Amino acid sequence: MSTLDHITQASLARIIGVDDQTARRGLRDLSKNGFVMRSEAFGAVVIRMNPDVMYRKKFDNDEYTQGVRFEFAQNKRAAEAAFDGDDEDLPF
């Protein structure tokens, strides 16, 4: 199994020639539109590319790609079912 190289948001901004704020705004827009997914664990934030955008195909037998595709589908369902009410409406 190969490993993935990771870069920081600041490194991404530097590589593409924009400031940190512009990179943050761009990643937020990409996330809202399903191109990337942001997840956080152990104090680190990871941005994953949607494999259907990267590879432009809907089927791939690669186990990792299938796993990432599943995570995107789960997050899309969660976003569609997101709670739009007020905290006062919560039962707890």
C-alpha atoms as a PDB file:
ATOM      1  CA  MET A   1       0.000   0.000   0.000  1.00  0.00           C
ATOM      2  CA  SER A   2       1.332   3.439  -0.860  1.00  0.00           C
ATOM      3  CA  THR A   3       1.077   6.455   1.404  1.00  0.00           C
ATOM      4  CA  LEU A   4      -0.361   9.847   0.609  1.00  0.00           C
ATOM      5  CA  ASP A   5       1.655  13.000   1.053  1.00  0.00           C
ATOM      6  CA  HIS A   6      -0.087  15.721   3.031  1.00  0.00           C
ATOM      7  CA  ILE A   7       0.391  19.478   2.905  1.00  0.00           C
ATOM      8  CA  THR A   8      -0.878  22.260   5.124  1.00  0.00           C
ATOM      9  CA  GLN A   9      -3.386  24.864   4.034  1.00  0.00           C
ATOM     10  CA  ALA A  10      -0.612  27.452   4.250  1.00  0.00           C
ATOM     11  CA  SER A  11       1.550  25.309   1.960  1.00  0.00           C
ATOM     12  CA  LEU A  12      -1.330  24.935  -0.499  1.00  0.00           C
ATOM     13  CA  ALA A  13      -1.817  28.717  -0.513  1.00  0.00           C
ATOM     14  CA  ARG A  14       1.890  29.272  -1.151  1.00  0.00           C
ATOM     15  CA  ILE A  15       2.022  26.640  -3.925  1.00  0.00           C
ATOM     16  CA  ILE A  16      -0.949  28.104  -5.812  1.00  0.00           C
ATOM     17  CA  GLY A  17       0.154  31.692  -5.170  1.00  0.00           C
ATOM     18  CA  VAL A  18      -2.665  33.041  -2.979  1.00  0.00           C
ATOM     19  CA  ASP A  19      -2.943  34.219   0.612  1.00  0.00           C
ATOM     20  CA  ASP A  20      -4.203  31.964   3.406  1.00  0.00           C
ATOM     21  CA  GLN A  21      -7.642  33.619   3.515  1.00  0.00           C
ATOM     22  CA  THR A  22      -8.185  33.043  -0.217  1.00  0.00           C
ATOM     23  CA  ALA A  23      -7.152  29.391   0.105  1.00  0.00           C
ATOM     24  CA  ARG A  24      -9.525  28.948   3.065  1.00  0.00           C
ATOM     25  CA  ARG A  25     -12.405  30.547   1.162  1.00  0.00           C
ATOM     26  CA  GLY A  26     -11.688  28.441  -1.923  1.00  0.00           C
ATOM     27  CA  LEU A  27     -11.577  25.202   0.071  1.00  0.00           C
ATOM     28  CA  ARG A  28     -14.842  26.133   1.803  1.00  0.00           C
ATOM     29  CA  ASP A  29     -16.522  26.707  -1.579  1.00  0.00           C
ATOM     30  CA  LEU A  30     -15.115  23.457  -2.965  1.00  0.00           C
ATOM     31  CA  SER A  31     -16.439  21.641   0.098  1.00  0.00           C
ATOM     32  CA  LYS A  32     -19.926  23.154  -0.191  1.00  0.00           C
ATOM     33  CA  ASN A  33     -20.093  21.946  -3.792  1.00  0.00           C
ATOM     34  CA  GLY A  34     -18.896  18.387  -3.098  1.00  0.00           C
ATOM     35  CA  PHE A  35     -15.461  18.604  -4.700  1.00  0.00           C
ATOM     36  CA  VAL A  36     -13.571  18.164  -1.422  1.00  0.00           C
ATOM     37  CA  MET A  37     -14.489  16.918   2.041  1.00  0.00           C
ATOM     38  CA  ARG A  38     -13.116  18.253   5.290  1.00  0.00           C
ATOM     39  CA  SER A  39     -12.702  15.973   8.290  1.00  0.00           C
ATOM     40  CA  GLU A  40     -11.066  16.572  11.636  1.00  0.00           C
ATOM     41  CA  ALA A  41      -9.479  14.097  14.053  1.00  0.00           C
ATOM     42  CA  PHE A  42      -6.716  14.189  16.636  1.00  0.00           C
ATOM     43  CA  GLY A  43      -6.402  17.951  16.171  1.00  0.00           C
ATOM     44  CA  ALA A  44      -5.621  17.683  12.462  1.00  0.00           C
ATOM     45  CA  VAL A  45      -7.857  18.760   9.586  1.00  0.00           C
ATOM     46  CA  VAL A  46      -7.763  16.614   6.448  1.00  0.00           C
ATOM     47  CA  ILE A  47      -9.166  17.690   3.093  1.00  0.00           C
ATOM     48  CA  ARG A  48      -9.998  14.822   0.727  1.00  0.00           C
ATOM     49  CA  MET A  49     -10.640  15.117  -2.992  1.00  0.00           C
ATOM     50  CA  ASN A  50     -13.813  13.568  -4.356  1.00  0.00           C
ATOM     51  CA  PRO A  51     -12.552  10.589  -6.403  1.00  0.00           C
ATOM     52  CA  ASP A  52     -15.323  11.080  -8.968  1.00  0.00           C
ATOM     53  CA  VAL A  53     -13.927  14.550  -9.666  1.00  0.00           C
ATOM     54  CA  MET A  54     -10.288  13.430  -9.718  1.00  0.00           C
ATOM     55  CA  TYR A  55     -10.722  10.329 -11.856  1.00  0.00           C
ATOM     56  CA  ARG A  56     -13.903  11.336 -13.718  1.00  0.00           C
ATOM     57  CA  LYS A  57     -15.338   7.868 -13.478  1.00  0.00           C
ATOM     58  CA  LYS A  58     -18.046   6.411 -11.297  1.00  0.00           C
ATOM     59  CA  PHE A  59     -16.631   2.940 -10.722  1.00  0.00           C
ATOM     60  CA  ASP A  60     -13.299   1.855  -9.395  1.00  0.00           C
ATOM     61  CA  ASN A  61     -12.454  -1.428  -7.682  1.00  0.00           C
ATOM     62  CA  ASP A  62      -9.740   0.197  -5.586  1.00  0.00           C
ATOM     63  CA  GLU A  63     -10.709  -0.312  -1.928  1.00  0.00           C
ATOM     64  CA  TYR A  64      -9.430   3.092  -0.786  1.00  0.00           C
ATOM     65  CA  THR A  65     -11.325   4.936  -3.538  1.00  0.00           C
ATOM     66  CA  GLN A  66     -14.511   3.059  -2.703  1.00  0.00           C
ATOM     67  CA  GLY A  67     -14.085   4.009   0.966  1.00  0.00           C
ATOM     68  CA  VAL A  68     -13.595   7.688   0.170  1.00  0.00           C
ATOM     69  CA  ARG A  69     -16.560   7.604  -2.221  1.00  0.00           C
ATOM     70  CA  PHE A  70     -18.695   6.110   0.589  1.00  0.00           C
ATOM     71  CA  GLU A  71     -17.599   8.887   2.990  1.00  0.00           C
ATOM     72  CA  PHE A  72     -18.608  11.527   0.435  1.00  0.00           C
ATOM     73  CA  ALA A  73     -22.028   9.896   0.034  1.00  0.00           C
ATOM     74  CA  GLN A  74     -22.517   9.773   3.815  1.00  0.00           C
ATOM     75  CA  ASN A  75     -21.550  13.411   4.242  1.00  0.00           C
ATOM     76  CA  LYS A  76     -23.835  14.467   1.397  1.00  0.00           C
ATOM     77  CA  ARG A  77     -26.766  12.702   3.080  1.00  0.00           C
ATOM     78  CA  ALA A  78     -25.903  14.353   6.396  1.00  0.00           C
ATOM     79  CA  ALA A  79     -25.724  17.794   4.779  1.00  0.00           C
ATOM     80  CA  GLU A  80     -29.083  17.284   3.067  1.00  0.00           C
ATOM     81  CA  ALA A  81     -30.656  16.261   6.378  1.00  0.00           C
ATOM     82  CA  ALA A  82     -28.951  19.068   8.342  1.00  0.00           C
ATOM     83  CA  PHE A  83     -30.941  20.714  11.096  1.00  0.00           C
ATOM     84  CA  ASP A  84     -32.037  24.194   9.985  1.00  0.00           C
ATOM     85  CA  GLY A  85     -33.958  25.131  13.135  1.00  0.00           C
ATOM     86  CA  ASP A  86     -33.030  27.098  16.195  1.00  0.00           C
ATOM     87  CA  ASP A  87     -31.214  25.551  19.173  1.00  0.00           C
ATOM     88  CA  GLU A  88     -34.379  26.237  21.149  1.00  0.00           C
ATOM     89  CA  ASP A  89     -36.169  23.625  19.016  1.00  0.00           C
ATOM     90  CA  LEU A  90     -33.845  20.824  20.142  1.00  0.00           C
ATOM     91  CA  PRO A  91     -35.371  18.236  22.496  1.00  0.00           C
ATOM     92  CA  PHE A  92     -32.421  18.355  24.931  1.00  0.00           C
END
